[in-house]
């Protein structure tokens, strides 16, 4: 009888000590993070074209990021991470151009040609982004990540105005149309309907856990598809979304 109770006690002790270890092992394979960040960047061509003579201003906008990441550890060092982020990627900039191809509206007339003067540009983008990244653990507190992303745009706007300059209709020797420097004398444009509803690109970054479950992150995302559709030729260069993000994360387990 004593032997029976002893065996039951040993089995019970084995079960109670093995379950936490198994659970801890599973938790090491799965990791969940919540993150917030602020992004700085814009939509720009690859290389500054000669027709853009100078950037007069670049104003910071509320480009916030919030989301969650889920990572499954494939081995001691490598993991596979998928995330769901809500992002704002806005841009407000002013440039000076010379012979820049544009299509604008002035006094309800559509004008297309080569523009020389001041251009103000506003880009508004709200999106759900799904990155899928391979992670590599440099140490207990540092983790590298890289991979593709897909963004679905919820809101998209691309508009502005041309002022204090002139447009040569159709070609460099065409009719000269002058734009003033006061509201009402400007020419406006709006290419929001020509923007893509889906963007693709690549992103790289690093996470640093500086205190227990809290950490800092730095990321760079580079769009491989321009923000406008492929058949859009009004803007002579393809504009790519390029943004860097600094943020905080909290690791749940």
Protein backbone atom coordinates (compact mmCIF):
# COMPACT_ATOMS: atom_id res chain seq x y z
CA UNK A 1 0.00 0.00 0.00
CA UNK A 2 2.85 2.35 0.88
CA UNK A 3 4.49 1.51 -2.46
CA UNK A 4 1.26 2.47 -4.29
CA UNK A 5 1.10 5.86 -2.60
CA UNK A 6 4.77 6.41 -3.31
CA UNK A 7 4.29 5.69 -7.03
CA UNK A 8 1.30 8.08 -7.21
CA UNK A 9 3.34 10.77 -5.49
CA UNK A 10 6.21 10.35 -7.96
CA UNK A 11 3.84 10.49 -10.99
CA UNK A 12 2.13 13.61 -9.65
CA UNK A 13 5.44 15.32 -9.00
CA UNK A 14 6.60 14.49 -12.54
CA UNK A 15 3.43 15.94 -14.09
CA UNK A 16 3.53 19.16 -12.08
CA UNK A 17 7.21 19.80 -12.80
CA UNK A 18 7.08 18.89 -16.51
CA UNK A 19 4.10 21.08 -17.53
CA UNK A 20 5.69 24.46 -16.68
CA UNK A 21 8.84 23.47 -18.49
CA UNK A 22 6.87 22.49 -21.58
CA UNK A 23 4.92 25.71 -21.45
CA UNK A 24 8.10 27.72 -21.08
CA UNK A 25 9.57 25.92 -24.08
CA UNK A 26 6.51 26.80 -26.20
CA UNK A 27 6.65 30.43 -25.09
CA UNK A 28 10.25 30.64 -26.23
CA UNK A 29 9.16 29.70 -29.75
CA UNK A 30 6.30 32.20 -29.94
CA UNK A 31 6.77 35.93 -29.38
CA UNK A 32 4.24 38.78 -29.49
CA UNK A 33 5.12 42.49 -29.56
CA UNK A 34 3.10 45.69 -29.61
CA UNK A 35 4.85 48.69 -31.14
CA UNK A 36 4.43 52.39 -31.81
CA UNK A 37 6.66 54.61 -33.92
CA UNK A 38 7.17 57.83 -35.80
CA UNK A 39 8.24 57.89 -39.45
CA UNK A 40 10.25 60.48 -41.37
CA UNK A 41 10.55 60.34 -45.14
CA UNK A 42 8.62 61.00 -48.29
CA UNK A 43 7.78 60.02 -51.84
CA UNK A 44 10.69 60.74 -54.12
CA UNK A 45 12.32 59.63 -57.38
CA UNK A 46 15.49 57.57 -57.34
CA UNK A 47 17.97 60.37 -57.83
CA UNK A 48 17.08 64.05 -57.98
CA UNK A 49 16.20 65.01 -61.58
CA UNK A 50 17.81 68.09 -63.13
CA UNK A 51 14.36 69.66 -63.61
CA UNK A 52 14.03 70.01 -59.81
CA UNK A 53 16.47 72.81 -58.99
CA UNK A 54 16.05 73.03 -55.20
CA UNK A 55 13.99 71.86 -52.23
CA UNK A 56 12.69 74.97 -50.50
CA UNK A 57 10.99 73.32 -47.53
CA UNK A 58 10.15 69.92 -46.07
CA UNK A 59 7.70 69.99 -43.17
CA UNK A 60 7.33 67.21 -40.61
CA UNK A 61 3.91 65.55 -40.58
CA UNK A 62 2.20 63.22 -38.02
CA UNK A 63 3.47 59.98 -39.55
CA UNK A 64 2.65 57.58 -36.72
CA UNK A 65 2.74 53.78 -36.75
CA UNK A 66 0.93 51.37 -34.40
CA UNK A 67 0.69 47.63 -34.66
CA UNK A 68 1.44 44.13 -33.42
CA UNK A 69 4.11 41.61 -34.46
CA UNK A 70 4.02 37.85 -34.07
CA UNK A 71 7.26 35.88 -34.39
CA UNK A 72 7.80 32.12 -34.51
CA UNK A 73 11.31 30.98 -33.69
CA UNK A 74 12.62 28.60 -36.35
CA UNK A 75 15.90 27.86 -34.59
CA UNK A 76 18.10 29.24 -31.84
CA UNK A 77 18.95 32.32 -33.93
CA UNK A 78 16.39 32.58 -36.74
CA UNK A 79 12.70 33.36 -36.68
CA UNK A 80 9.82 34.20 -39.00
CA UNK A 81 7.80 37.32 -38.18
CA UNK A 82 4.48 38.58 -39.54
CA UNK A 83 2.88 41.85 -38.44
CA UNK A 84 -0.18 44.04 -38.84
CA UNK A 85 0.53 47.78 -38.77
CA UNK A 86 -1.53 50.91 -39.25
CA UNK A 87 0.66 53.59 -40.83
CA UNK A 88 0.48 57.23 -41.82
CA UNK A 89 2.88 58.27 -44.59
CA UNK A 90 2.31 61.95 -45.36
CA UNK A 91 4.56 64.54 -46.95
CA UNK A 92 4.47 68.33 -47.35
CA UNK A 93 7.20 69.83 -49.50
CA UNK A 94 7.94 72.82 -51.70
CA UNK A 95 10.41 72.81 -54.60
CA UNK A 96 11.66 75.05 -57.39
CA UNK A 97 11.57 73.55 -60.89
CA UNK A 98 12.81 74.38 -64.39
CA UNK A 99 11.28 72.68 -67.42
CA UNK A 100 9.39 70.19 -65.24
CA UNK A 101 6.58 68.30 -67.00
CA UNK A 102 3.21 69.01 -65.35
CA UNK A 103 -0.53 68.97 -65.92
CA UNK A 104 -2.43 71.65 -64.00
CA UNK A 105 -5.81 73.35 -63.80
CA UNK A 106 -6.08 77.13 -64.13
CA UNK A 107 -9.34 79.05 -64.47
CA UNK A 108 -11.11 75.71 -65.15
CA UNK A 109 -8.75 75.03 -68.09
CA UNK A 110 -6.43 72.02 -68.17
CA UNK A 111 -2.86 72.90 -69.16
CA UNK A 112 -0.01 70.49 -69.83
CA UNK A 113 3.57 71.31 -70.61
CA UNK A 114 6.92 72.26 -69.09
CA UNK A 115 6.75 74.31 -65.91
CA UNK A 116 9.35 76.62 -64.37
CA UNK A 117 8.70 78.06 -60.92
CA UNK A 118 7.47 77.16 -57.44
CA UNK A 119 5.60 73.90 -56.75
CA UNK A 120 3.89 72.98 -53.46
CA UNK A 121 3.11 69.29 -53.00
CA UNK A 122 0.98 67.46 -50.42
CA UNK A 123 0.79 63.68 -50.09
CA UNK A 124 -1.63 61.94 -47.71
CA UNK A 125 -1.53 58.17 -47.18
CA UNK A 126 -3.28 56.02 -44.56
CA UNK A 127 -2.64 52.31 -44.86
CA UNK A 128 -2.68 48.84 -43.35
CA UNK A 129 0.74 47.26 -43.80
CA UNK A 130 1.54 43.55 -43.54
CA UNK A 131 5.30 42.88 -43.35
CA UNK A 132 6.69 39.34 -43.42
CA UNK A 133 10.29 39.24 -42.22
CA UNK A 134 13.06 36.84 -41.37
CA UNK A 135 14.61 37.65 -37.99
CA UNK A 136 18.10 36.95 -36.69
CA UNK A 137 19.05 37.21 -33.02
CA UNK A 138 22.42 38.88 -32.50
CA UNK A 139 22.15 38.45 -28.75
CA UNK A 140 19.62 38.37 -25.94
CA UNK A 141 18.73 42.04 -26.53
CA UNK A 142 19.38 42.64 -30.27
CA UNK A 143 17.39 41.30 -33.21
CA UNK A 144 17.73 42.02 -36.93
CA UNK A 145 14.79 41.70 -39.34
CA UNK A 146 14.29 41.99 -43.09
CA UNK A 147 11.67 41.07 -45.65
CA UNK A 148 8.89 42.23 -47.99
CA UNK A 149 5.73 44.12 -47.10
CA UNK A 150 2.31 44.74 -48.60
CA UNK A 151 0.34 47.93 -47.90
CA UNK A 152 -3.38 48.42 -48.53
CA UNK A 153 -4.27 52.11 -48.72
CA UNK A 154 -7.33 53.29 -46.84
CA UNK A 155 -6.89 56.96 -47.79
CA UNK A 156 -4.75 58.44 -50.59
CA UNK A 157 -4.30 62.03 -51.74
CA UNK A 158 -1.75 63.75 -53.97
CA UNK A 159 -2.36 67.42 -54.72
CA UNK A 160 -0.78 70.86 -54.74
CA UNK A 161 -0.33 74.06 -56.68
CA UNK A 162 2.14 75.82 -58.99
CA UNK A 163 2.87 79.51 -58.39
CA UNK A 164 5.30 82.32 -59.15
CA UNK A 165 6.33 80.84 -62.49
CA UNK A 166 5.19 79.95 -65.99
CA UNK A 167 4.26 76.95 -68.09
CA UNK A 168 5.19 76.39 -71.74
CA UNK A 169 2.30 74.48 -73.29
CA UNK A 170 3.19 71.15 -74.91
CA UNK A 171 6.89 71.87 -75.55
CA UNK A 172 9.72 74.29 -74.59
CA UNK A 173 8.69 76.76 -77.34
CA UNK A 174 4.94 76.57 -76.69
CA UNK A 175 2.59 79.29 -75.52
CA UNK A 176 3.73 80.81 -72.22
CA UNK A 177 1.15 80.82 -69.40
CA UNK A 178 2.14 82.81 -66.30
CA UNK A 179 1.16 81.78 -62.73
CA UNK A 180 1.18 84.46 -60.01
CA UNK A 181 2.35 84.24 -56.42
CA UNK A 182 -1.01 84.95 -54.77
CA UNK A 183 -3.96 82.64 -54.20
CA UNK A 184 -6.31 82.90 -57.16
CA UNK A 185 -3.37 83.31 -59.54
CA UNK A 186 -2.08 79.80 -58.90
CA UNK A 187 -2.54 76.68 -61.01
CA UNK A 188 -3.63 73.58 -59.08
CA UNK A 189 -3.32 69.84 -59.61
CA UNK A 190 -4.81 66.73 -58.03
CA UNK A 191 -3.59 63.25 -58.94
CA UNK A 192 -5.23 61.39 -56.04
CA UNK A 193 -7.32 59.18 -58.33
CA UNK A 194 -4.15 58.03 -60.11
CA UNK A 195 -2.56 56.61 -56.94
CA UNK A 196 -2.25 52.89 -56.32
CA UNK A 197 -4.52 51.23 -53.79
CA UNK A 198 -1.81 48.67 -53.02
CA UNK A 199 1.92 49.17 -52.52
CA UNK A 200 4.75 46.64 -52.20
CA UNK A 201 8.26 47.04 -50.93
CA UNK A 202 10.99 45.79 -48.61
CA UNK A 203 11.79 46.72 -45.02
CA UNK A 204 14.80 46.17 -42.76
CA UNK A 205 15.22 47.00 -39.10
CA UNK A 206 16.63 46.26 -35.68
CA UNK A 207 14.98 45.76 -32.27
CA UNK A 208 16.87 46.44 -29.05
CA UNK A 209 15.38 45.31 -25.73
CA UNK A 210 16.92 47.78 -23.29
CA UNK A 211 14.86 46.91 -20.19
CA UNK A 212 13.11 43.60 -19.62
CA UNK A 213 10.15 43.60 -22.04
CA UNK A 214 10.62 47.18 -23.27
CA UNK A 215 12.67 48.05 -26.33
CA UNK A 216 13.61 50.53 -29.04
CA UNK A 217 13.36 49.89 -32.78
CA UNK A 218 14.73 51.44 -35.95
CA UNK A 219 13.31 50.51 -39.36
CA UNK A 220 13.68 51.53 -43.00
CA UNK A 221 10.99 50.78 -45.60
CA UNK A 222 11.55 51.23 -49.34
CA UNK A 223 8.69 50.97 -51.81
CA UNK A 224 9.37 48.94 -54.94
CA UNK A 225 6.20 50.16 -56.64
CA UNK A 226 5.61 53.86 -57.23
CA UNK A 227 2.72 55.54 -55.45
CA UNK A 228 0.98 56.11 -58.82
CA UNK A 229 -0.33 53.49 -61.23
CA UNK A 230 1.99 52.21 -63.93
CA UNK A 231 0.11 53.97 -66.75
CA UNK A 232 0.36 57.39 -65.02
CA UNK A 233 2.82 59.54 -67.00
CA UNK A 234 1.91 63.08 -65.97
CA UNK A 235 4.73 63.23 -63.41
CA UNK A 236 7.84 62.39 -65.38
CA UNK A 237 9.60 60.40 -62.61
CA UNK A 238 8.29 57.43 -60.65
CA UNK A 239 7.84 58.43 -57.00
CA UNK A 240 8.72 55.78 -54.42
CA UNK A 241 7.71 55.86 -50.72
CA UNK A 242 10.90 55.83 -48.62
CA UNK A 243 10.53 56.16 -44.83
CA UNK A 244 12.60 55.59 -41.71
CA UNK A 245 10.82 54.80 -38.42
CA UNK A 246 11.98 55.14 -34.81
CA UNK A 247 9.78 53.50 -32.19
CA UNK A 248 9.15 51.62 -28.98
CA UNK A 249 7.92 48.06 -28.49
CA UNK A 250 6.63 45.94 -25.62
CA UNK A 251 7.19 42.19 -25.69
CA UNK A 252 4.35 40.24 -24.07
CA UNK A 253 6.22 36.92 -23.91
